[in-house]
Amino acid sequence: TRAILAYGGAVLKPLYSTKARGMRLVEDTDAAAVRAIVDEFQAEGHRTVYIQKRVPMPDRDLGVVFIGDQYLTTYARVKGAGAWNTTTQAGGSYACEEIDEATLAMAREARDLFQLDFTVVDVVKSEVGTFVFEVSAFGGFRGIHEGCGVDAAGAYVDHVLAQLQMQGVETR
């Protein structure tokens, strides 16, 4: 409760989520009301709760995509009308996005912490700064394809096959 009040607004996130499912926006400033929201969230089965400070966001956030340690592309998730998040579940859509070197370097640094073979680094460029929201091994094939016309699934398969061949594994 104290963190949410100190943040001036937050997003409650369950341990596992995709497309913002189960997430809840908390903007209340009354301690008792915030405690009730957190208690209700946990009573819904979310025993572990991530509390993410709400950042004033533009109409989009970014998925910066890497295959191995190679940058592939960046797609945007664009908010739908009246939504608080950018997911397609909330009416959002995908678009291709150009990013600057500083944003790419930040995303690469986040990616490097995990050494994943397929990585989508979620970035938001807000009026108060650029932030990494998460690093995921599960995101983006649809958004990459619809937004940028890139077959990331095929590129990922090619990467995996190349890695296996480098290890002497026969592939067909």
C-alpha atoms as a PDB file:
ATOM      1  CA  THR A   1       0.000   0.000   0.000  1.00  0.00           C
ATOM      2  CA  ARG A   2       2.788   2.431   0.942  1.00  0.00           C
ATOM      3  CA  ALA A   3       4.574   1.882  -2.365  1.00  0.00           C
ATOM      4  CA  ILE A   4       1.424   2.489  -4.415  1.00  0.00           C
ATOM      5  CA  LEU A   5       0.657   5.667  -2.480  1.00  0.00           C
ATOM      6  CA  ALA A   6       4.267   6.853  -2.812  1.00  0.00           C
ATOM      7  CA  TYR A   7       4.174   6.168  -6.552  1.00  0.00           C
ATOM      8  CA  GLY A   8       0.964   8.149  -6.952  1.00  0.00           C
ATOM      9  CA  GLY A   9      -0.492   5.316  -9.043  1.00  0.00           C
ATOM     10  CA  ALA A  10       0.588   1.836  -9.999  1.00  0.00           C
ATOM     11  CA  VAL A  11      -0.195  -1.244 -12.015  1.00  0.00           C
ATOM     12  CA  LEU A  12      -0.742  -4.494 -10.113  1.00  0.00           C
ATOM     13  CA  LYS A  13       0.599  -7.442 -12.067  1.00  0.00           C
ATOM     14  CA  PRO A  14       0.118 -11.143 -11.402  1.00  0.00           C
ATOM     15  CA  LEU A  15       3.122 -13.470 -11.445  1.00  0.00           C
ATOM     16  CA  TYR A  16       2.220 -14.689 -14.951  1.00  0.00           C
ATOM     17  CA  SER A  17       0.416 -12.550 -17.475  1.00  0.00           C
ATOM     18  CA  THR A  18       0.199 -11.809 -21.155  1.00  0.00           C
ATOM     19  CA  LYS A  19      -1.697  -9.081 -22.985  1.00  0.00           C
ATOM     20  CA  ALA A  20      -2.225  -7.344 -19.591  1.00  0.00           C
ATOM     21  CA  ARG A  21      -4.597 -10.118 -18.478  1.00  0.00           C
ATOM     22  CA  GLY A  22      -5.166  -9.885 -14.760  1.00  0.00           C
ATOM     23  CA  MET A  23      -3.429  -6.533 -14.448  1.00  0.00           C
ATOM     24  CA  ARG A  24      -5.148  -3.765 -12.571  1.00  0.00           C
ATOM     25  CA  LEU A  25      -4.555  -0.031 -12.674  1.00  0.00           C
ATOM     26  CA  VAL A  26      -4.609   1.620  -9.226  1.00  0.00           C
ATOM     27  CA  GLU A  27      -4.996   5.393  -9.154  1.00  0.00           C
ATOM     28  CA  ASP A  28      -6.695   5.825  -5.778  1.00  0.00           C
ATOM     29  CA  THR A  29      -4.956   8.027  -3.182  1.00  0.00           C
ATOM     30  CA  ASP A  30      -6.831   6.778  -0.116  1.00  0.00           C
ATOM     31  CA  ALA A  31      -4.792   4.224   1.864  1.00  0.00           C
ATOM     32  CA  ALA A  32      -7.819   2.138   2.887  1.00  0.00           C
ATOM     33  CA  ALA A  33      -9.131   2.024  -0.683  1.00  0.00           C
ATOM     34  CA  VAL A  34      -5.711   1.000  -2.032  1.00  0.00           C
ATOM     35  CA  ARG A  35      -5.383  -1.730   0.632  1.00  0.00           C
ATOM     36  CA  ALA A  36      -8.845  -3.039  -0.336  1.00  0.00           C
ATOM     37  CA  ILE A  37      -7.842  -3.156  -4.023  1.00  0.00           C
ATOM     38  CA  VAL A  38      -4.644  -5.081  -3.223  1.00  0.00           C
ATOM     39  CA  ASP A  39      -6.530  -7.469  -0.918  1.00  0.00           C
ATOM     40  CA  GLU A  40      -9.147  -8.110  -3.630  1.00  0.00           C
ATOM     41  CA  PHE A  41      -6.394  -8.675  -6.217  1.00  0.00           C
ATOM     42  CA  GLN A  42      -4.748 -11.264  -3.976  1.00  0.00           C
ATOM     43  CA  ALA A  43      -8.092 -12.889  -3.145  1.00  0.00           C
ATOM     44  CA  GLU A  44      -8.545 -13.453  -6.900  1.00  0.00           C
ATOM     45  CA  GLY A  45      -5.617 -15.877  -6.664  1.00  0.00           C
ATOM     46  CA  HIS A  46      -2.681 -13.536  -7.259  1.00  0.00           C
ATOM     47  CA  ARG A  47      -0.603 -14.403  -4.198  1.00  0.00           C
ATOM     48  CA  THR A  48       2.538 -12.864  -5.704  1.00  0.00           C
ATOM     49  CA  VAL A  49       1.946  -9.306  -6.859  1.00  0.00           C
ATOM     50  CA  TYR A  50       4.279  -7.138  -8.859  1.00  0.00           C
ATOM     51  CA  ILE A  51       3.733  -3.448  -8.261  1.00  0.00           C
ATOM     52  CA  GLN A  52       4.887  -1.336 -11.188  1.00  0.00           C
ATOM     53  CA  LYS A  53       4.965   2.430 -10.852  1.00  0.00           C
ATOM     54  CA  ARG A  54       2.601   4.028 -13.312  1.00  0.00           C
ATOM     55  CA  VAL A  55       4.565   6.067 -15.813  1.00  0.00           C
ATOM     56  CA  PRO A  56       2.847   8.767 -17.868  1.00  0.00           C
ATOM     57  CA  MET A  57       2.852   6.996 -21.203  1.00  0.00           C
ATOM     58  CA  PRO A  58       2.440   8.186 -24.741  1.00  0.00           C
ATOM     59  CA  ASP A  59       0.049   6.313 -27.007  1.00  0.00           C
ATOM     60  CA  ARG A  60       2.534   3.478 -27.553  1.00  0.00           C
ATOM     61  CA  ASP A  61       5.184   1.256 -26.076  1.00  0.00           C
ATOM     62  CA  LEU A  62       7.834  -0.679 -27.938  1.00  0.00           C
ATOM     63  CA  GLY A  63       8.941  -4.270 -28.381  1.00  0.00           C
ATOM     64  CA  VAL A  64      12.651  -4.295 -29.272  1.00  0.00           C
ATOM     65  CA  VAL A  65      13.388  -7.714 -30.774  1.00  0.00           C
ATOM     66  CA  PHE A  66      16.611  -9.730 -30.735  1.00  0.00           C
ATOM     67  CA  ILE A  67      17.413 -13.159 -32.173  1.00  0.00           C
ATOM     68  CA  GLY A  68      20.472 -14.374 -30.322  1.00  0.00           C
ATOM     69  CA  ASP A  69      22.497 -11.227 -29.832  1.00  0.00           C
ATOM     70  CA  GLN A  70      21.430  -9.712 -33.166  1.00  0.00           C
ATOM     71  CA  TYR A  71      18.886  -6.896 -33.290  1.00  0.00           C
ATOM     72  CA  LEU A  72      15.963  -7.851 -35.555  1.00  0.00           C
ATOM     73  CA  THR A  73      13.366  -5.054 -35.477  1.00  0.00           C
ATOM     74  CA  THR A  74      11.184  -2.903 -33.236  1.00  0.00           C
ATOM     75  CA  TYR A  75       7.419  -2.882 -33.237  1.00  0.00           C
ATOM     76  CA  ALA A  76       5.037  -0.602 -31.377  1.00  0.00           C
ATOM     77  CA  ARG A  77       1.913  -1.533 -29.495  1.00  0.00           C
ATOM     78  CA  VAL A  78      -0.425   1.434 -30.027  1.00  0.00           C
ATOM     79  CA  LYS A  79      -3.224   2.179 -27.535  1.00  0.00           C
ATOM     80  CA  GLY A  80      -6.820   1.798 -28.547  1.00  0.00           C
ATOM     81  CA  ALA A  81      -9.293   4.599 -27.803  1.00  0.00           C
ATOM     82  CA  GLY A  82      -9.935   5.003 -24.070  1.00  0.00           C
ATOM     83  CA  ALA A  83      -7.548   2.215 -22.992  1.00  0.00           C
ATOM     84  CA  TRP A  84      -5.007   2.554 -20.186  1.00  0.00           C
ATOM     85  CA  ASN A  85      -2.684  -0.024 -21.775  1.00  0.00           C
ATOM     86  CA  THR A  86      -1.499  -0.795 -25.282  1.00  0.00           C
ATOM     87  CA  THR A  87      -2.536  -4.426 -25.648  1.00  0.00           C
ATOM     88  CA  THR A  88      -4.639  -5.745 -28.493  1.00  0.00           C
ATOM     89  CA  GLN A  89      -6.960  -7.119 -25.783  1.00  0.00           C
ATOM     90  CA  ALA A  90      -7.747  -3.460 -24.977  1.00  0.00           C
ATOM     91  CA  GLY A  91      -8.200  -2.452 -28.623  1.00  0.00           C
ATOM     92  CA  GLY A  92      -4.543  -1.695 -29.372  1.00  0.00           C
ATOM     93  CA  SER A  93      -2.791  -2.340 -32.663  1.00  0.00           C
ATOM     94  CA  TYR A  94       0.729  -2.951 -33.963  1.00  0.00           C
ATOM     95  CA  ALA A  95       2.990  -0.693 -36.013  1.00  0.00           C
ATOM     96  CA  CYS A  96       6.629  -0.769 -37.089  1.00  0.00           C
ATOM     97  CA  GLU A  97       8.878   1.655 -35.224  1.00  0.00           C
ATOM     98  CA  GLU A  98      12.304   3.161 -35.800  1.00  0.00           C
ATOM     99  CA  ILE A  99      14.377   3.625 -32.646  1.00  0.00           C
ATOM    100  CA  ASP A 100      17.415   5.708 -31.859  1.00  0.00           C
ATOM    101  CA  GLU A 101      20.817   4.289 -30.892  1.00  0.00           C
ATOM    102  CA  ALA A 102      20.396   5.153 -27.198  1.00  0.00           C
ATOM    103  CA  THR A 103      17.129   3.213 -26.955  1.00  0.00           C
ATOM    104  CA  LEU A 104      18.645   0.268 -28.826  1.00  0.00           C
ATOM    105  CA  ALA A 105      21.659   0.313 -26.489  1.00  0.00           C
ATOM    106  CA  MET A 106      19.363   0.319 -23.426  1.00  0.00           C
ATOM    107  CA  ALA A 107      17.339  -2.597 -24.821  1.00  0.00           C
ATOM    108  CA  ARG A 108      20.509  -4.497 -25.718  1.00  0.00           C
ATOM    109  CA  GLU A 109      21.888  -4.006 -22.199  1.00  0.00           C
ATOM    110  CA  ALA A 110      18.653  -5.417 -20.733  1.00  0.00           C
ATOM    111  CA  ARG A 111      18.740  -8.331 -23.207  1.00  0.00           C
ATOM    112  CA  ASP A 112      22.356  -9.102 -22.350  1.00  0.00           C
ATOM    113  CA  LEU A 113      21.452  -9.744 -18.718  1.00  0.00           C
ATOM    114  CA  PHE A 114      19.492 -12.843 -19.737  1.00  0.00           C
ATOM    115  CA  GLN A 115      21.303 -14.232 -22.817  1.00  0.00           C
ATOM    116  CA  LEU A 116      18.090 -15.523 -24.376  1.00  0.00           C
ATOM    117  CA  ASP A 117      17.898 -16.821 -27.940  1.00  0.00           C
ATOM    118  CA  PHE A 118      14.675 -14.925 -28.645  1.00  0.00           C
ATOM    119  CA  THR A 119      14.080 -11.740 -26.699  1.00  0.00           C
ATOM    120  CA  VAL A 120      11.556  -8.922 -26.757  1.00  0.00           C
ATOM    121  CA  VAL A 121      12.528  -5.995 -24.547  1.00  0.00           C
ATOM    122  CA  ASP A 122       9.488  -3.876 -23.675  1.00  0.00           C
ATOM    123  CA  VAL A 123      10.436  -0.190 -23.669  1.00  0.00           C
ATOM    124  CA  VAL A 124       8.415   2.953 -23.105  1.00  0.00           C
ATOM    125  CA  LYS A 125       9.582   6.407 -24.087  1.00  0.00           C
ATOM    126  CA  SER A 126       7.652   8.726 -21.801  1.00  0.00           C
ATOM    127  CA  GLU A 127       7.740  12.404 -20.951  1.00  0.00           C
ATOM    128  CA  VAL A 128       9.777  11.545 -17.833  1.00  0.00           C
ATOM    129  CA  GLY A 129      12.317   9.273 -19.528  1.00  0.00           C
ATOM    130  CA  THR A 130      12.856   5.993 -21.327  1.00  0.00           C
ATOM    131  CA  PHE A 131      12.244   2.820 -19.325  1.00  0.00           C
ATOM    132  CA  VAL A 132      12.510  -0.944 -19.781  1.00  0.00           C
ATOM    133  CA  PHE A 133       9.324  -2.563 -18.477  1.00  0.00           C
ATOM    134  CA  GLU A 134      10.338  -6.181 -19.001  1.00  0.00           C
ATOM    135  CA  VAL A 135      12.517  -8.622 -20.865  1.00  0.00           C
ATOM    136  CA  SER A 136      10.598 -11.553 -22.319  1.00  0.00           C
ATOM    137  CA  ALA A 137      11.354 -14.794 -24.108  1.00  0.00           C
ATOM    138  CA  PHE A 138       7.681 -15.215 -24.997  1.00  0.00           C
ATOM    139  CA  GLY A 139       6.552 -12.108 -26.786  1.00  0.00           C
ATOM    140  CA  GLY A 140       5.961 -10.674 -30.104  1.00  0.00           C
ATOM    141  CA  PHE A 141       5.643 -13.035 -33.068  1.00  0.00           C
ATOM    142  CA  ARG A 142       2.231 -11.645 -34.010  1.00  0.00           C
ATOM    143  CA  GLY A 143       3.141  -8.029 -33.293  1.00  0.00           C
ATOM    144  CA  ILE A 144       6.409  -8.299 -35.193  1.00  0.00           C
ATOM    145  CA  HIS A 145       4.639  -9.793 -38.196  1.00  0.00           C
ATOM    146  CA  GLU A 146       1.589  -7.517 -38.209  1.00  0.00           C
ATOM    147  CA  GLY A 147       3.527  -4.378 -37.345  1.00  0.00           C
ATOM    148  CA  CYS A 148       6.727  -4.831 -39.342  1.00  0.00           C
ATOM    149  CA  GLY A 149       6.025  -7.663 -41.777  1.00  0.00           C
ATOM    150  CA  VAL A 150       8.931  -9.646 -40.296  1.00  0.00           C
ATOM    151  CA  ASP A 151       8.751 -13.435 -39.859  1.00  0.00           C
ATOM    152  CA  ALA A 152      10.399 -13.595 -36.427  1.00  0.00           C
ATOM    153  CA  ALA A 153       9.278 -17.199 -35.901  1.00  0.00           C
ATOM    154  CA  GLY A 154      11.105 -18.247 -39.075  1.00  0.00           C
ATOM    155  CA  ALA A 155      14.184 -16.217 -38.084  1.00  0.00           C
ATOM    156  CA  TYR A 156      14.129 -17.863 -34.663  1.00  0.00           C
ATOM    157  CA  VAL A 157      13.923 -21.349 -36.205  1.00  0.00           C
ATOM    158  CA  ASP A 158      16.848 -20.488 -38.496  1.00  0.00           C
ATOM    159  CA  HIS A 159      18.823 -19.317 -35.454  1.00  0.00           C
ATOM    160  CA  VAL A 160      18.098 -22.493 -33.489  1.00  0.00           C
ATOM    161  CA  LEU A 161      19.056 -24.702 -36.445  1.00  0.00           C
ATOM    162  CA  ALA A 162      22.312 -22.778 -36.903  1.00  0.00           C
ATOM    163  CA  GLN A 163      23.098 -23.173 -33.196  1.00  0.00           C
ATOM    164  CA  LEU A 164      22.459 -26.919 -33.390  1.00  0.00           C
ATOM    165  CA  GLN A 165      24.646 -27.265 -36.488  1.00  0.00           C
ATOM    166  CA  MET A 166      27.455 -25.373 -34.698  1.00  0.00           C
ATOM    167  CA  GLN A 167      27.233 -28.038 -31.981  1.00  0.00           C
ATOM    168  CA  GLY A 168      27.486 -30.818 -34.542  1.00  0.00           C
ATOM    169  CA  VAL A 169      23.822 -31.832 -34.382  1.00  0.00           C
ATOM    170  CA  GLU A 170      22.480 -32.967 -37.726  1.00  0.00           C
ATOM    171  CA  THR A 171      19.356 -31.059 -38.781  1.00  0.00           C
ATOM    172  CA  ARG A 172      17.033 -31.674 -41.696  1.00  0.00           C
END
